[in-house]
């Protein structure tokens, strides 16, 4: 049999310091691994709070969308200008042909006005409500 002092001899060395170091290292690794996107944002925007970084990202997205819209509007305006030029050129070409056939244009204009009149919506007829009736009990309801 062993003496009680021999059994307690190995317990004297505490594992508290070792457990504390392992715990700190594990926490740092876990927090570092889950914060990679925050660290990337810090590289791009500087060390700020996440709310500030999100506000900056939102502002940048809005500016990019506004720039894209401006470019699309400019492209659309260019396309409309080119289309107007093409119409002017075709109108000049068609002007000589149109002078030869004024009767045809008159008929086309009359047809267009007739089509426009037929397309106009007419309001539905307004019918009056039926006269108000006195209250009546149903067949299965009685006051008895």
Protein backbone atom coordinates (compact mmCIF):
# COMPACT_ATOMS: atom_id res chain seq x y z
CA UNK A 1 0.00 0.00 0.00
CA UNK A 2 0.99 3.54 -0.69
CA UNK A 3 1.09 6.33 1.74
CA UNK A 4 -1.32 9.22 1.25
CA UNK A 5 1.51 11.68 0.66
CA UNK A 6 2.73 9.66 -2.32
CA UNK A 7 -0.74 9.73 -3.92
CA UNK A 8 -0.96 13.51 -3.63
CA UNK A 9 2.59 14.17 -4.86
CA UNK A 10 1.64 14.43 -8.57
CA UNK A 11 -1.37 16.64 -7.85
CA UNK A 12 0.82 19.39 -6.53
CA UNK A 13 1.59 20.48 -10.08
CA UNK A 14 -1.46 22.44 -11.17
CA UNK A 15 -2.69 22.34 -14.78
CA UNK A 16 -4.37 25.73 -14.40
CA UNK A 17 -1.65 27.68 -16.20
CA UNK A 18 -1.51 25.17 -19.08
CA UNK A 19 -5.34 25.17 -19.43
CA UNK A 20 -5.41 28.97 -19.38
CA UNK A 21 -2.82 29.24 -22.16
CA UNK A 22 -4.63 26.63 -24.29
CA UNK A 23 -7.95 28.40 -23.75
CA UNK A 24 -6.55 31.80 -24.73
CA UNK A 25 -4.94 30.38 -27.88
CA UNK A 26 -8.17 28.58 -28.84
CA UNK A 27 -10.24 31.75 -28.34
CA UNK A 28 -7.84 33.86 -30.41
CA UNK A 29 -7.87 31.27 -33.21
CA UNK A 30 -11.66 31.01 -33.20
CA UNK A 31 -12.21 34.78 -33.14
CA UNK A 32 -9.59 35.33 -35.83
CA UNK A 33 -11.10 32.68 -38.10
CA UNK A 34 -14.62 34.12 -37.76
CA UNK A 35 -13.49 37.73 -38.25
CA UNK A 36 -11.68 37.42 -41.58
CA UNK A 37 -14.20 39.62 -43.42
CA UNK A 38 -13.93 42.28 -40.69
CA UNK A 39 -10.15 42.27 -41.06
CA UNK A 40 -10.52 42.64 -44.84
CA UNK A 41 -12.87 45.59 -44.32
CA UNK A 42 -10.36 47.14 -41.92
CA UNK A 43 -7.69 46.88 -44.61
CA UNK A 44 -9.96 48.65 -47.11
CA UNK A 45 -11.74 51.21 -44.86
CA UNK A 46 -9.41 51.52 -41.89
CA UNK A 47 -10.10 50.37 -38.35
CA UNK A 48 -13.68 51.48 -37.75
CA UNK A 49 -16.80 49.98 -36.26
CA UNK A 50 -18.88 47.60 -38.40
CA UNK A 51 -21.76 50.12 -38.52
CA UNK A 52 -19.47 52.75 -40.03
CA UNK A 53 -18.09 50.25 -42.54
CA UNK A 54 -21.61 49.16 -43.53
CA UNK A 55 -22.63 52.79 -44.03
CA UNK A 56 -19.61 53.33 -46.29
CA UNK A 57 -20.42 50.20 -48.30
CA UNK A 58 -24.03 51.38 -48.72
CA UNK A 59 -22.84 54.80 -49.89
CA UNK A 60 -20.46 53.21 -52.40
CA UNK A 61 -23.23 50.94 -53.73
CA UNK A 62 -25.54 53.95 -54.18
CA UNK A 63 -22.85 55.90 -56.01
CA UNK A 64 -22.13 52.95 -58.30
CA UNK A 65 -25.85 52.54 -59.05
CA UNK A 66 -26.19 56.26 -59.76
CA UNK A 67 -23.20 56.14 -62.11
CA UNK A 68 -24.64 53.12 -63.90
CA UNK A 69 -27.99 54.89 -64.31
CA UNK A 70 -26.30 58.02 -65.69
CA UNK A 71 -24.38 55.93 -68.22
CA UNK A 72 -27.56 54.12 -69.27
CA UNK A 73 -29.38 57.44 -69.65
CA UNK A 74 -26.53 58.84 -71.76
CA UNK A 75 -26.53 55.73 -73.97
CA UNK A 76 -30.30 55.96 -74.36
CA UNK A 77 -30.06 59.64 -75.31
CA UNK A 78 -27.40 58.82 -77.92
CA UNK A 79 -29.60 56.05 -79.35
CA UNK A 80 -32.61 58.39 -79.49
CA UNK A 81 -30.53 61.07 -81.22
CA UNK A 82 -29.33 58.54 -83.79
CA UNK A 83 -32.91 57.36 -84.30
CA UNK A 84 -34.10 60.95 -84.76
CA UNK A 85 -31.38 61.53 -87.36
CA UNK A 86 -32.45 58.39 -89.18
CA UNK A 87 -36.08 59.55 -89.11
CA UNK A 88 -35.09 62.96 -90.47
CA UNK A 89 -33.17 61.32 -93.28
CA UNK A 90 -36.04 58.97 -94.10
CA UNK A 91 -38.52 61.86 -93.85
CA UNK A 92 -36.53 63.85 -96.40
CA UNK A 93 -36.55 60.83 -98.72
CA UNK A 94 -40.23 60.18 -98.15
CA UNK A 95 -41.13 63.84 -98.55
CA UNK A 96 -40.85 63.64 -102.32
CA UNK A 97 -42.96 60.49 -102.38
CA UNK A 98 -45.50 62.05 -100.02
CA UNK A 99 -45.95 65.06 -102.27
CA UNK A 100 -46.98 62.74 -105.08
CA UNK A 101 -49.68 61.02 -103.03
CA UNK A 102 -51.56 63.56 -100.87
CA UNK A 103 -54.83 61.68 -101.24
CA UNK A 104 -53.33 58.56 -99.72
CA UNK A 105 -52.21 60.52 -96.65
CA UNK A 106 -55.67 61.99 -96.23
CA UNK A 107 -57.23 58.52 -96.26
CA UNK A 108 -54.62 57.26 -93.78
CA UNK A 109 -55.30 60.20 -91.47
CA UNK A 110 -59.04 59.53 -91.60
CA UNK A 111 -58.48 55.86 -90.78
CA UNK A 112 -56.19 56.80 -87.91
CA UNK A 113 -58.75 59.19 -86.41
CA UNK A 114 -61.50 56.54 -86.76
CA UNK A 115 -59.29 53.97 -85.02
CA UNK A 116 -58.51 56.47 -82.25
CA UNK A 117 -62.19 57.16 -81.66
CA UNK A 118 -62.99 53.46 -81.48
CA UNK A 119 -60.17 52.88 -79.00
CA UNK A 120 -61.43 55.53 -76.59
CA UNK A 121 -63.08 53.97 -73.59
CA UNK A 122 -66.67 54.81 -72.91
CA UNK A 123 -67.79 54.86 -69.30
CA UNK A 124 -70.16 52.07 -68.28
CA UNK A 125 -73.80 52.92 -67.86
CA UNK A 126 -74.72 53.99 -64.37
CA UNK A 127 -77.77 52.12 -63.17
CA UNK A 128 -79.71 53.33 -60.13
CA UNK A 129 -79.86 51.16 -57.06
CA UNK A 130 -83.08 49.21 -56.48
CA UNK A 131 -85.55 50.86 -54.08
CA UNK A 132 -85.02 50.22 -50.38
CA UNK A 133 -87.22 47.43 -48.97
CA UNK A 134 -88.72 47.05 -45.54
CA UNK A 135 -87.05 44.49 -43.30
CA UNK A 136 -88.53 41.01 -43.69
CA UNK A 137 -87.85 37.84 -41.74
CA UNK A 138 -86.78 34.78 -43.66
CA UNK A 139 -89.03 31.74 -43.95
CA UNK A 140 -87.40 29.97 -41.03
CA UNK A 141 -87.27 32.97 -38.65
CA UNK A 142 -90.22 34.03 -36.53
CA UNK A 143 -90.73 36.10 -33.40
CA UNK A 144 -92.87 33.42 -31.71
